[in-house]
Amino acid sequence: MTITYLNGTTMEAALLARTDKTLRVAPQGADDVLEFTYLNGTWVSEDCEPVLIEFEWQRRGRQPEITEADCVCSGELASRLIRLLLSGEEEEQTSQAPLDKILHATYSRMVV
């Protein structure tokens, strides 16, 4: 959630407890818990200062719109993904030799 004070100061906080008339929150980067009270349609701090409280679920509706350009990948990546999809494999097979064969070849070339 985001808490905005009248002077423009904002802080992110995690909700700890909520009733119809109170909120207990843990501000990000702070050691103390804050409590807010709901009076006459307004959330009020412990110092009787009105604050605007915006819950995460309220912000989700305002996310930027995803465009087609956000979803387009390169032709090379698209080909690779389609090839993996059609092959039914979870990972693409590489032309590199397995690690144990590389280690064996390296070990056999060592001069003692």
PDB file of N, CA and C in Angstrom:
ATOM      1  N   MET A   1       0.831  -1.171   0.000  1.00  0.00           N
ATOM      2  CA  MET A   1       0.000   0.000   0.000  1.00  0.00           C
ATOM      3  C   MET A   1       0.876   1.233   0.000  1.00  0.00           C
ATOM      4  N   THR A   2       0.301   2.337  -0.460  1.00  0.00           N
ATOM      5  CA  THR A   2       1.003   3.611  -0.465  1.00  0.00           C
ATOM      6  C   THR A   2       0.257   4.568   0.451  1.00  0.00           C
ATOM      7  N   ILE A   3       1.012   5.236   1.312  1.00  0.00           N
ATOM      8  CA  ILE A   3       0.440   6.231   2.230  1.00  0.00           C
ATOM      9  C   ILE A   3       0.975   7.587   1.808  1.00  0.00           C
ATOM     10  N   THR A   4       0.067   8.547   1.574  1.00  0.00           N
ATOM     11  CA  THR A   4       0.455   9.888   1.157  1.00  0.00           C
ATOM     12  C   THR A   4      -0.034  10.887   2.194  1.00  0.00           C
ATOM     13  N   TYR A   5       0.905  11.673   2.715  1.00  0.00           N
ATOM     14  CA  TYR A   5       0.571  12.715   3.700  1.00  0.00           C
ATOM     15  C   TYR A   5       0.242  14.015   2.980  1.00  0.00           C
ATOM     16  N   LEU A   6      -0.351  14.955   3.702  1.00  0.00           N
ATOM     17  CA  LEU A   6      -0.751  16.236   3.114  1.00  0.00           C
ATOM     18  C   LEU A   6       0.409  17.013   2.510  1.00  0.00           C
ATOM     19  N   ASN A   7       1.605  16.877   3.086  1.00  0.00           N
ATOM     20  CA  ASN A   7       2.758  17.613   2.575  1.00  0.00           C
ATOM     21  C   ASN A   7       3.363  16.959   1.327  1.00  0.00           C
ATOM     22  N   GLY A   8       2.766  15.865   0.845  1.00  0.00           N
ATOM     23  CA  GLY A   8       3.239  15.190  -0.355  1.00  0.00           C
ATOM     24  C   GLY A   8       4.152  14.011  -0.096  1.00  0.00           C
ATOM     25  N   THR A   9       4.566  13.819   1.133  1.00  0.00           N
ATOM     26  CA  THR A   9       5.420  12.689   1.481  1.00  0.00           C
ATOM     27  C   THR A   9       4.653  11.387   1.267  1.00  0.00           C
ATOM     28  N   THR A  10       5.296  10.448   0.579  1.00  0.00           N
ATOM     29  CA  THR A  10       4.672   9.142   0.379  1.00  0.00           C
ATOM     30  C   THR A  10       5.574   8.051   0.923  1.00  0.00           C
ATOM     31  N   MET A  11       4.966   6.953   1.322  1.00  0.00           N
ATOM     32  CA  MET A  11       5.723   5.793   1.797  1.00  0.00           C
ATOM     33  C   MET A  11       4.976   4.522   1.430  1.00  0.00           C
ATOM     34  N   GLU A  12       5.754   3.508   1.164  1.00  0.00           N
ATOM     35  CA  GLU A  12       5.196   2.182   0.923  1.00  0.00           C
ATOM     36  C   GLU A  12       5.122   1.469   2.264  1.00  0.00           C
ATOM     37  N   ALA A  13       4.075   0.683   2.463  1.00  0.00           N
ATOM     38  CA  ALA A  13       3.907  -0.027   3.722  1.00  0.00           C
ATOM     39  C   ALA A  13       3.200  -1.349   3.475  1.00  0.00           C
ATOM     40  N   ALA A  14       3.393  -2.268   4.405  1.00  0.00           N
ATOM     41  CA  ALA A  14       2.722  -3.566   4.364  1.00  0.00           C
ATOM     42  C   ALA A  14       1.633  -3.570   5.416  1.00  0.00           C
ATOM     43  N   LEU A  15       0.472  -4.039   5.044  1.00  0.00           N
ATOM     44  CA  LEU A  15      -0.658  -4.101   5.964  1.00  0.00           C
ATOM     45  C   LEU A  15      -0.444  -5.238   6.955  1.00  0.00           C
ATOM     46  N   LEU A  16      -0.533  -4.922   8.238  1.00  0.00           N
ATOM     47  CA  LEU A  16      -0.389  -5.933   9.281  1.00  0.00           C
ATOM     48  C   LEU A  16      -1.742  -6.381   9.809  1.00  0.00           C
ATOM     49  N   ALA A  17      -2.641  -5.415  10.027  1.00  0.00           N
ATOM     50  CA  ALA A  17      -3.975  -5.729  10.555  1.00  0.00           C
ATOM     51  C   ALA A  17      -4.951  -4.649  10.120  1.00  0.00           C
ATOM     52  N   ARG A  18      -6.207  -5.078   9.924  1.00  0.00           N
ATOM     53  CA  ARG A  18      -7.218  -4.105   9.527  1.00  0.00           C
ATOM     54  C   ARG A  18      -8.554  -4.465  10.151  1.00  0.00           C
ATOM     55  N   THR A  19      -9.230  -3.450  10.665  1.00  0.00           N
ATOM     56  CA  THR A  19     -10.624  -3.566  11.078  1.00  0.00           C
ATOM     57  C   THR A  19     -11.389  -2.530  10.260  1.00  0.00           C
ATOM     58  N   ASP A  20     -12.666  -2.359  10.548  1.00  0.00           N
ATOM     59  CA  ASP A  20     -13.445  -1.359   9.818  1.00  0.00           C
ATOM     60  C   ASP A  20     -12.915   0.046  10.044  1.00  0.00           C
ATOM     61  N   LYS A  21     -12.352   0.308  11.219  1.00  0.00           N
ATOM     62  CA  LYS A  21     -11.963   1.674  11.581  1.00  0.00           C
ATOM     63  C   LYS A  21     -10.468   1.872  11.821  1.00  0.00           C
ATOM     64  N   THR A  22      -9.666   0.806  11.764  1.00  0.00           N
ATOM     65  CA  THR A  22      -8.231   0.969  12.034  1.00  0.00           C
ATOM     66  C   THR A  22      -7.380   0.164  11.053  1.00  0.00           C
ATOM     67  N   LEU A  23      -6.171   0.671  10.847  1.00  0.00           N
ATOM     68  CA  LEU A  23      -5.152  -0.017  10.059  1.00  0.00           C
ATOM     69  C   LEU A  23      -3.861  -0.007  10.856  1.00  0.00           C
ATOM     70  N   ARG A  24      -3.181  -1.129  10.899  1.00  0.00           N
ATOM     71  CA  ARG A  24      -1.826  -1.183  11.453  1.00  0.00           C
ATOM     72  C   ARG A  24      -0.930  -1.589  10.295  1.00  0.00           C
ATOM     73  N   VAL A  25       0.103  -0.773  10.040  1.00  0.00           N
ATOM     74  CA  VAL A  25       0.972  -1.007   8.891  1.00  0.00           C
ATOM     75  C   VAL A  25       2.436  -0.948   9.311  1.00  0.00           C
ATOM     76  N   ALA A  26       3.259  -1.635   8.523  1.00  0.00           N
ATOM     77  CA  ALA A  26       4.712  -1.605   8.714  1.00  0.00           C
ATOM     78  C   ALA A  26       5.308  -0.866   7.526  1.00  0.00           C
ATOM     79  N   PRO A  27       5.760   0.380   7.720  1.00  0.00           N
ATOM     80  CA  PRO A  27       6.359   1.130   6.619  1.00  0.00           C
ATOM     81  C   PRO A  27       7.671   0.499   6.172  1.00  0.00           C
ATOM     82  N   GLN A  28       7.927   0.546   4.884  1.00  0.00           N
ATOM     83  CA  GLN A  28       9.153  -0.011   4.321  1.00  0.00           C
ATOM     84  C   GLN A  28      10.359   0.750   4.870  1.00  0.00           C
ATOM     85  N   GLY A  29      11.331   0.017   5.401  1.00  0.00           N
ATOM     86  CA  GLY A  29      12.552   0.615   5.914  1.00  0.00           C
ATOM     87  C   GLY A  29      12.435   1.225   7.298  1.00  0.00           C
ATOM     88  N   ALA A  30      11.307   1.049   7.978  1.00  0.00           N
ATOM     89  CA  ALA A  30      11.127   1.610   9.330  1.00  0.00           C
ATOM     90  C   ALA A  30      10.983   0.482  10.340  1.00  0.00           C
ATOM     91  N   ASP A  31      11.335   0.787  11.582  1.00  0.00           N
ATOM     92  CA  ASP A  31      11.232  -0.206  12.644  1.00  0.00           C
ATOM     93  C   ASP A  31       9.895  -0.157  13.372  1.00  0.00           C
ATOM     94  N   ASP A  32       9.222   0.982  13.315  1.00  0.00           N
ATOM     95  CA  ASP A  32       7.984   1.160  14.067  1.00  0.00           C
ATOM     96  C   ASP A  32       6.753   0.843  13.225  1.00  0.00           C
ATOM     97  N   VAL A  33       5.709   0.406  13.891  1.00  0.00           N
ATOM     98  CA  VAL A  33       4.423   0.152  13.265  1.00  0.00           C
ATOM     99  C   VAL A  33       3.591   1.419  13.376  1.00  0.00           C
ATOM    100  N   LEU A  34       2.860   1.752  12.314  1.00  0.00           N
ATOM    101  CA  LEU A  34       1.991   2.919  12.329  1.00  0.00           C
ATOM    102  C   LEU A  34       0.541   2.470  12.394  1.00  0.00           C
ATOM    103  N   GLU A  35      -0.280   3.299  13.022  1.00  0.00           N
ATOM    104  CA  GLU A  35      -1.697   2.998  13.102  1.00  0.00           C
ATOM    105  C   GLU A  35      -2.489   4.177  12.555  1.00  0.00           C
ATOM    106  N   PHE A  36      -3.500   3.859  11.759  1.00  0.00           N
ATOM    107  CA  PHE A  36      -4.368   4.875  11.177  1.00  0.00           C
ATOM    108  C   PHE A  36      -5.808   4.556  11.556  1.00  0.00           C
ATOM    109  N   THR A  37      -6.595   5.616  11.734  1.00  0.00           N
ATOM    110  CA  THR A  37      -7.996   5.472  12.118  1.00  0.00           C
ATOM    111  C   THR A  37      -8.870   6.082  11.031  1.00  0.00           C
ATOM    112  N   TYR A  38      -9.992   5.431  10.757  1.00  0.00           N
ATOM    113  CA  TYR A  38     -10.918   5.910   9.730  1.00  0.00           C
ATOM    114  C   TYR A  38     -11.994   6.751  10.405  1.00  0.00           C
ATOM    115  N   LEU A  39     -11.975   8.064  10.152  1.00  0.00           N
ATOM    116  CA  LEU A  39     -12.934   8.997  10.752  1.00  0.00           C
ATOM    117  C   LEU A  39     -13.651   9.781   9.661  1.00  0.00           C
ATOM    118  N   ASN A  40     -14.953   9.701   9.639  1.00  0.00           N
ATOM    119  CA  ASN A  40     -15.765  10.478   8.699  1.00  0.00           C
ATOM    120  C   ASN A  40     -15.281  10.373   7.252  1.00  0.00           C
ATOM    121  N   GLY A  41     -14.929   9.174   6.820  1.00  0.00           N
ATOM    122  CA  GLY A  41     -14.536   8.952   5.441  1.00  0.00           C
ATOM    123  C   GLY A  41     -13.083   9.260   5.128  1.00  0.00           C
ATOM    124  N   THR A  42     -12.265   9.529   6.132  1.00  0.00           N
ATOM    125  CA  THR A  42     -10.858   9.879   5.928  1.00  0.00           C
ATOM    126  C   THR A  42      -9.974   9.071   6.869  1.00  0.00           C
ATOM    127  N   TRP A  43      -8.866   8.569   6.336  1.00  0.00           N
ATOM    128  CA  TRP A  43      -7.879   7.915   7.188  1.00  0.00           C
ATOM    129  C   TRP A  43      -7.050   9.001   7.861  1.00  0.00           C
ATOM    130  N   VAL A  44      -6.804   8.824   9.172  1.00  0.00           N
ATOM    131  CA  VAL A  44      -6.102   9.824   9.969  1.00  0.00           C
ATOM    132  C   VAL A  44      -4.944   9.144  10.695  1.00  0.00           C
ATOM    133  N   SER A  45      -3.780   9.811  10.691  1.00  0.00           N
ATOM    134  CA  SER A  45      -2.604   9.257  11.368  1.00  0.00           C
ATOM    135  C   SER A  45      -2.749   9.398  12.874  1.00  0.00           C
ATOM    136  N   GLU A  46      -1.790   8.851  13.599  1.00  0.00           N
ATOM    137  CA  GLU A  46      -1.785   8.960  15.063  1.00  0.00           C
ATOM    138  C   GLU A  46      -1.655  10.411  15.517  1.00  0.00           C
ATOM    139  N   ASP A  47      -1.093  11.273  14.638  1.00  0.00           N
ATOM    140  CA  ASP A  47      -0.942  12.699  14.940  1.00  0.00           C
ATOM    141  C   ASP A  47      -2.135  13.511  14.444  1.00  0.00           C
ATOM    142  N   CYS A  48      -3.243  12.836  14.122  1.00  0.00           N
ATOM    143  CA  CYS A  48      -4.481  13.460  13.642  1.00  0.00           C
ATOM    144  C   CYS A  48      -4.310  14.168  12.301  1.00  0.00           C
ATOM    145  N   GLU A  49      -3.361  13.708  11.500  1.00  0.00           N
ATOM    146  CA  GLU A  49      -3.146  14.271  10.175  1.00  0.00           C
ATOM    147  C   GLU A  49      -3.857  13.388   9.147  1.00  0.00           C
ATOM    148  N   PRO A  50      -4.705  13.977   8.295  1.00  0.00           N
ATOM    149  CA  PRO A  50      -5.367  13.173   7.262  1.00  0.00           C
ATOM    150  C   PRO A  50      -4.339  12.629   6.264  1.00  0.00           C
ATOM    151  N   VAL A  51      -4.528  11.395   5.856  1.00  0.00           N
ATOM    152  CA  VAL A  51      -3.636  10.763   4.878  1.00  0.00           C
ATOM    153  C   VAL A  51      -4.476  10.079   3.813  1.00  0.00           C
ATOM    154  N   LEU A  52      -3.881   9.911   2.654  1.00  0.00           N
ATOM    155  CA  LEU A  52      -4.511   9.148   1.583  1.00  0.00           C
ATOM    156  C   LEU A  52      -3.866   7.778   1.581  1.00  0.00           C
ATOM    157  N   ILE A  53      -4.674   6.749   1.701  1.00  0.00           N
ATOM    158  CA  ILE A  53      -4.159   5.380   1.696  1.00  0.00           C
ATOM    159  C   ILE A  53      -4.667   4.701   0.443  1.00  0.00           C
ATOM    160  N   GLU A  54      -3.719   4.222  -0.355  1.00  0.00           N
ATOM    161  CA  GLU A  54      -4.046   3.543  -1.598  1.00  0.00           C
ATOM    162  C   GLU A  54      -3.582   2.098  -1.473  1.00  0.00           C
ATOM    163  N   PHE A  55      -4.524   1.185  -1.507  1.00  0.00           N
ATOM    164  CA  PHE A  55      -4.209  -0.233  -1.391  1.00  0.00           C
ATOM    165  C   PHE A  55      -3.714  -0.764  -2.730  1.00  0.00           C
ATOM    166  N   GLU A  56      -2.961  -1.842  -2.679  1.00  0.00           N
ATOM    167  CA  GLU A  56      -2.383  -2.423  -3.887  1.00  0.00           C
ATOM    168  C   GLU A  56      -3.462  -2.778  -4.906  1.00  0.00           C
ATOM    169  N   TRP A  57      -4.558  -3.326  -4.446  1.00  0.00           N
ATOM    170  CA  TRP A  57      -5.618  -3.719  -5.382  1.00  0.00           C
ATOM    171  C   TRP A  57      -6.192  -2.502  -6.106  1.00  0.00           C
ATOM    172  N   GLN A  58      -6.094  -1.331  -5.535  1.00  0.00           N
ATOM    173  CA  GLN A  58      -6.579  -0.122  -6.195  1.00  0.00           C
ATOM    174  C   GLN A  58      -5.609   0.318  -7.290  1.00  0.00           C
ATOM    175  N   ARG A  59      -4.322   0.050  -7.118  1.00  0.00           N
ATOM    176  CA  ARG A  59      -3.312   0.453  -8.102  1.00  0.00           C
ATOM    177  C   ARG A  59      -3.278  -0.474  -9.303  1.00  0.00           C
ATOM    178  N   ARG A  60      -3.656  -1.710  -9.139  1.00  0.00           N
ATOM    179  CA  ARG A  60      -3.559  -2.680 -10.229  1.00  0.00           C
ATOM    180  C   ARG A  60      -4.377  -2.252 -11.445  1.00  0.00           C
ATOM    181  N   GLY A  61      -5.455  -1.552 -11.239  1.00  0.00           N
ATOM    182  CA  GLY A  61      -6.297  -1.115 -12.337  1.00  0.00           C
ATOM    183  C   GLY A  61      -5.644  -0.042 -13.192  1.00  0.00           C
ATOM    184  N   ARG A  62      -4.584   0.584 -12.699  1.00  0.00           N
ATOM    185  CA  ARG A  62      -3.946   1.680 -13.407  1.00  0.00           C
ATOM    186  C   ARG A  62      -2.617   1.287 -14.034  1.00  0.00           C
ATOM    187  N   GLN A  63      -2.377   0.022 -14.244  1.00  0.00           N
ATOM    188  CA  GLN A  63      -1.131  -0.402 -14.872  1.00  0.00           C
ATOM    189  C   GLN A  63      -1.142   0.011 -16.337  1.00  0.00           C
ATOM    190  N   PRO A  64       0.025   0.300 -16.883  1.00  0.00           N
ATOM    191  CA  PRO A  64       0.073   0.713 -18.286  1.00  0.00           C
ATOM    192  C   PRO A  64      -0.461  -0.385 -19.197  1.00  0.00           C
ATOM    193  N   GLU A  65      -1.081   0.034 -20.278  1.00  0.00           N
ATOM    194  CA  GLU A  65      -1.635  -0.903 -21.234  1.00  0.00           C
ATOM    195  C   GLU A  65      -0.511  -1.603 -21.996  1.00  0.00           C
ATOM    196  N   ILE A  66      -0.662  -2.895 -22.172  1.00  0.00           N
ATOM    197  CA  ILE A  66       0.333  -3.670 -22.907  1.00  0.00           C
ATOM    198  C   ILE A  66       0.016  -3.552 -24.392  1.00  0.00           C
ATOM    199  N   THR A  67       1.030  -3.206 -25.165  1.00  0.00           N
ATOM    200  CA  THR A  67       0.847  -3.048 -26.605  1.00  0.00           C
ATOM    201  C   THR A  67       1.379  -4.271 -27.340  1.00  0.00           C
ATOM    202  N   GLU A  68       1.084  -4.350 -28.614  1.00  0.00           N
ATOM    203  CA  GLU A  68       1.581  -5.448 -29.424  1.00  0.00           C
ATOM    204  C   GLU A  68       3.110  -5.449 -29.469  1.00  0.00           C
ATOM    205  N   ALA A  69       3.707  -4.258 -29.479  1.00  0.00           N
ATOM    206  CA  ALA A  69       5.164  -4.149 -29.515  1.00  0.00           C
ATOM    207  C   ALA A  69       5.806  -4.762 -28.264  1.00  0.00           C
ATOM    208  N   ASP A  70       5.090  -4.745 -27.136  1.00  0.00           N
ATOM    209  CA  ASP A  70       5.616  -5.341 -25.909  1.00  0.00           C
ATOM    210  C   ASP A  70       5.700  -6.864 -26.011  1.00  0.00           C
ATOM    211  N   CYS A  71       4.947  -7.451 -26.933  1.00  0.00           N
ATOM    212  CA  CYS A  71       4.852  -8.907 -27.029  1.00  0.00           C
ATOM    213  C   CYS A  71       5.611  -9.487 -28.211  1.00  0.00           C
ATOM    214  N   VAL A  72       6.285  -8.667 -28.983  1.00  0.00           N
ATOM    215  CA  VAL A  72       6.987  -9.135 -30.180  1.00  0.00           C
ATOM    216  C   VAL A  72       8.434  -9.485 -29.819  1.00  0.00           C
ATOM    217  N   CYS A  73       8.855 -10.666 -30.241  1.00  0.00           N
ATOM    218  CA  CYS A  73      10.245 -11.072 -30.014  1.00  0.00           C
ATOM    219  C   CYS A  73      10.947 -11.172 -31.360  1.00  0.00           C
ATOM    220  N   SER A  74      12.230 -11.393 -31.328  1.00  0.00           N
ATOM    221  CA  SER A  74      13.005 -11.494 -32.563  1.00  0.00           C
ATOM    222  C   SER A  74      12.613 -12.766 -33.314  1.00  0.00           C
ATOM    223  N   GLY A  75      12.853 -12.761 -34.615  1.00  0.00           N
ATOM    224  CA  GLY A  75      12.580 -13.940 -35.436  1.00  0.00           C
ATOM    225  C   GLY A  75      13.384 -15.140 -34.992  1.00  0.00           C
ATOM    226  N   GLU A  76      14.618 -14.880 -34.569  1.00  0.00           N
ATOM    227  CA  GLU A  76      15.491 -15.962 -34.102  1.00  0.00           C
ATOM    228  C   GLU A  76      14.919 -16.632 -32.855  1.00  0.00           C
ATOM    229  N   LEU A  77      14.461 -15.833 -31.902  1.00  0.00           N
ATOM    230  CA  LEU A  77      13.875 -16.393 -30.684  1.00  0.00           C
ATOM    231  C   LEU A  77      12.578 -17.122 -31.000  1.00  0.00           C
ATOM    232  N   ALA A  78      11.752 -16.545 -31.867  1.00  0.00           N
ATOM    233  CA  ALA A  78      10.492 -17.190 -32.234  1.00  0.00           C
ATOM    234  C   ALA A  78      10.748 -18.547 -32.879  1.00  0.00           C
ATOM    235  N   SER A  79      11.717 -18.628 -33.780  1.00  0.00           N
ATOM    236  CA  SER A  79      12.051 -19.902 -34.435  1.00  0.00           C
ATOM    237  C   SER A  79      12.510 -20.931 -33.418  1.00  0.00           C
ATOM    238  N   ARG A  80      13.348 -20.496 -32.499  1.00  0.00           N
ATOM    239  CA  ARG A  80      13.862 -21.407 -31.465  1.00  0.00           C
ATOM    240  C   ARG A  80      12.735 -21.935 -30.589  1.00  0.00           C
ATOM    241  N   LEU A  81      11.834 -21.045 -30.179  1.00  0.00           N
ATOM    242  CA  LEU A  81      10.723 -21.460 -29.322  1.00  0.00           C
ATOM    243  C   LEU A  81       9.779 -22.406 -30.047  1.00  0.00           C
ATOM    244  N   ILE A  82       9.500 -22.130 -31.311  1.00  0.00           N
ATOM    245  CA  ILE A  82       8.629 -23.015 -32.098  1.00  0.00           C
ATOM    246  C   ILE A  82       9.286 -24.378 -32.272  1.00  0.00           C
ATOM    247  N   ARG A  83      10.590 -24.386 -32.535  1.00  0.00           N
ATOM    248  CA  ARG A  83      11.324 -25.649 -32.685  1.00  0.00           C
ATOM    249  C   ARG A  83      11.240 -26.463 -31.387  1.00  0.00           C
ATOM    250  N   LEU A  84      11.399 -25.815 -30.250  1.00  0.00           N
ATOM    251  CA  LEU A  84      11.296 -26.516 -28.965  1.00  0.00           C
ATOM    252  C   LEU A  84       9.878 -27.037 -28.735  1.00  0.00           C
ATOM    253  N   LEU A  85       8.894 -26.234 -29.092  1.00  0.00           N
ATOM    254  CA  LEU A  85       7.502 -26.631 -28.915  1.00  0.00           C
ATOM    255  C   LEU A  85       7.173 -27.855 -29.759  1.00  0.00           C
ATOM    256  N   LEU A  86       7.591 -27.851 -31.011  1.00  0.00           N
ATOM    257  CA  LEU A  86       7.279 -28.952 -31.916  1.00  0.00           C
ATOM    258  C   LEU A  86       8.062 -30.217 -31.605  1.00  0.00           C
ATOM    259  N   SER A  87       9.253 -30.075 -31.030  1.00  0.00           N
ATOM    260  CA  SER A  87      10.059 -31.261 -30.708  1.00  0.00           C
ATOM    261  C   SER A  87       9.579 -31.942 -29.440  1.00  0.00           C
ATOM    262  N   GLY A  88       8.837 -31.238 -28.610  1.00  0.00           N
ATOM    263  CA  GLY A  88       8.337 -31.829 -27.367  1.00  0.00           C
ATOM    264  C   GLY A  88       9.373 -31.913 -26.273  1.00  0.00           C
ATOM    265  N   GLU A  89      10.539 -31.323 -26.478  1.00  0.00           N
ATOM    266  CA  GLU A  89      11.598 -31.349 -25.478  1.00  0.00           C
ATOM    267  C   GLU A  89      11.477 -30.147 -24.565  1.00  0.00           C
ATOM    268  N   GLU A  90      11.946 -30.308 -23.330  1.00  0.00           N
ATOM    269  CA  GLU A  90      11.909 -29.196 -22.387  1.00  0.00           C
ATOM    270  C   GLU A  90      13.060 -28.234 -22.607  1.00  0.00           C
ATOM    271  N   GLU A  91      14.209 -28.773 -23.021  1.00  0.00           N
ATOM    272  CA  GLU A  91      15.379 -27.930 -23.250  1.00  0.00           C
ATOM    273  C   GLU A  91      15.944 -28.222 -24.623  1.00  0.00           C
ATOM    274  N   GLU A  92      16.526 -27.218 -25.202  1.00  0.00           N
ATOM    275  CA  GLU A  92      17.118 -27.362 -26.518  1.00  0.00           C
ATOM    276  C   GLU A  92      18.412 -28.165 -26.405  1.00  0.00           C
ATOM    277  N   GLN A  93      18.590 -29.123 -27.309  1.00  0.00           N
ATOM    278  CA  GLN A  93      19.827 -29.895 -27.331  1.00  0.00           C
ATOM    279  C   GLN A  93      20.920 -29.028 -27.939  1.00  0.00           C
ATOM    280  N   THR A  94      22.053 -28.998 -27.301  1.00  0.00           N
ATOM    281  CA  THR A  94      23.164 -28.207 -27.829  1.00  0.00           C
ATOM    282  C   THR A  94      24.174 -29.131 -28.468  1.00  0.00           C
ATOM    283  N   SER A  95      25.018 -28.563 -29.293  1.00  0.00           N
ATOM    284  CA  SER A  95      26.030 -29.369 -29.972  1.00  0.00           C
ATOM    285  C   SER A  95      27.246 -29.604 -29.088  1.00  0.00           C
ATOM    286  N   GLN A  96      27.254 -29.051 -27.895  1.00  0.00           N
ATOM    287  CA  GLN A  96      28.390 -29.224 -27.004  1.00  0.00           C
ATOM    288  C   GLN A  96      28.369 -30.613 -26.389  1.00  0.00           C
ATOM    289  N   ALA A  97      29.532 -31.161 -26.181  1.00  0.00           N
ATOM    290  CA  ALA A  97      29.642 -32.470 -25.548  1.00  0.00           C
ATOM    291  C   ALA A  97      29.306 -32.342 -24.070  1.00  0.00           C
ATOM    292  N   PRO A  98      28.758 -33.416 -23.488  1.00  0.00           N
ATOM    293  CA  PRO A  98      28.463 -33.376 -22.057  1.00  0.00           C
ATOM    294  C   PRO A  98      29.729 -33.114 -21.241  1.00  0.00           C
ATOM    295  N   LEU A  99      29.551 -32.577 -20.067  1.00  0.00           N
ATOM    296  CA  LEU A  99      30.670 -32.170 -19.216  1.00  0.00           C
ATOM    297  C   LEU A  99      31.594 -33.333 -18.877  1.00  0.00           C
ATOM    298  N   ASP A 100      31.044 -34.533 -18.621  1.00  0.00           N
ATOM    299  CA  ASP A 100      31.918 -35.655 -18.245  1.00  0.00           C
ATOM    300  C   ASP A 100      32.832 -36.054 -19.404  1.00  0.00           C
ATOM    301  N   LYS A 101      32.376 -35.930 -20.649  1.00  0.00           N
ATOM    302  CA  LYS A 101      33.243 -36.241 -21.793  1.00  0.00           C
ATOM    303  C   LYS A 101      34.332 -35.185 -21.950  1.00  0.00           C
ATOM    304  N   ILE A 102      33.998 -33.939 -21.711  1.00  0.00           N
ATOM    305  CA  ILE A 102      34.990 -32.864 -21.795  1.00  0.00           C
ATOM    306  C   ILE A 102      36.061 -33.051 -20.735  1.00  0.00           C
ATOM    307  N   LEU A 103      35.627 -33.361 -19.513  1.00  0.00           N
ATOM    308  CA  LEU A 103      36.586 -33.559 -18.426  1.00  0.00           C
ATOM    309  C   LEU A 103      37.478 -34.771 -18.705  1.00  0.00           C
ATOM    310  N   HIS A 104      36.888 -35.857 -19.239  1.00  0.00           N
ATOM    311  CA  HIS A 104      37.679 -37.049 -19.550  1.00  0.00           C
ATOM    312  C   HIS A 104      38.722 -36.752 -20.634  1.00  0.00           C
ATOM    313  N   ALA A 105      38.314 -36.032 -21.663  1.00  0.00           N
ATOM    314  CA  ALA A 105      39.245 -35.683 -22.734  1.00  0.00           C
ATOM    315  C   ALA A 105      40.360 -34.796 -22.209  1.00  0.00           C
ATOM    316  N   THR A 106      40.036 -33.862 -21.338  1.00  0.00           N
ATOM    317  CA  THR A 106      41.043 -32.972 -20.778  1.00  0.00           C
ATOM    318  C   THR A 106      42.009 -33.762 -19.899  1.00  0.00           C
ATOM    319  N   TYR A 107      41.486 -34.677 -19.078  1.00  0.00           N
ATOM    320  CA  TYR A 107      42.305 -35.467 -18.179  1.00  0.00           C
ATOM    321  C   TYR A 107      43.246 -36.383 -18.963  1.00  0.00           C
ATOM    322  N   SER A 108      42.756 -36.977 -20.036  1.00  0.00           N
ATOM    323  CA  SER A 108      43.598 -37.920 -20.800  1.00  0.00           C
ATOM    324  C   SER A 108      44.716 -37.204 -21.548  1.00  0.00           C
ATOM    325  N   ARG A 109      44.600 -35.886 -21.757  1.00  0.00           N
ATOM    326  CA  ARG A 109      45.649 -35.132 -22.451  1.00  0.00           C
ATOM    327  C   ARG A 109      46.722 -34.624 -21.497  1.00  0.00           C
ATOM    328  N   MET A 110      46.477 -34.739 -20.226  1.00  0.00           N
ATOM    329  CA  MET A 110      47.438 -34.217 -19.254  1.00  0.00           C
ATOM    330  C   MET A 110      48.701 -35.069 -19.259  1.00  0.00           C
ATOM    331  N   VAL A 111      49.818 -34.410 -19.165  1.00  0.00           N
ATOM    332  CA  VAL A 111      51.103 -35.114 -19.126  1.00  0.00           C
ATOM    333  C   VAL A 111      51.508 -35.264 -17.663  1.00  0.00           C
ATOM    334  N   VAL A 112      51.845 -36.482 -17.294  1.00  0.00           N
ATOM    335  CA  VAL A 112      52.245 -36.736 -15.917  1.00  0.00           C
ATOM    336  C   VAL A 112      53.737 -36.808 -15.806  1.00  0.00           C
TER     337      VAL A 112
END
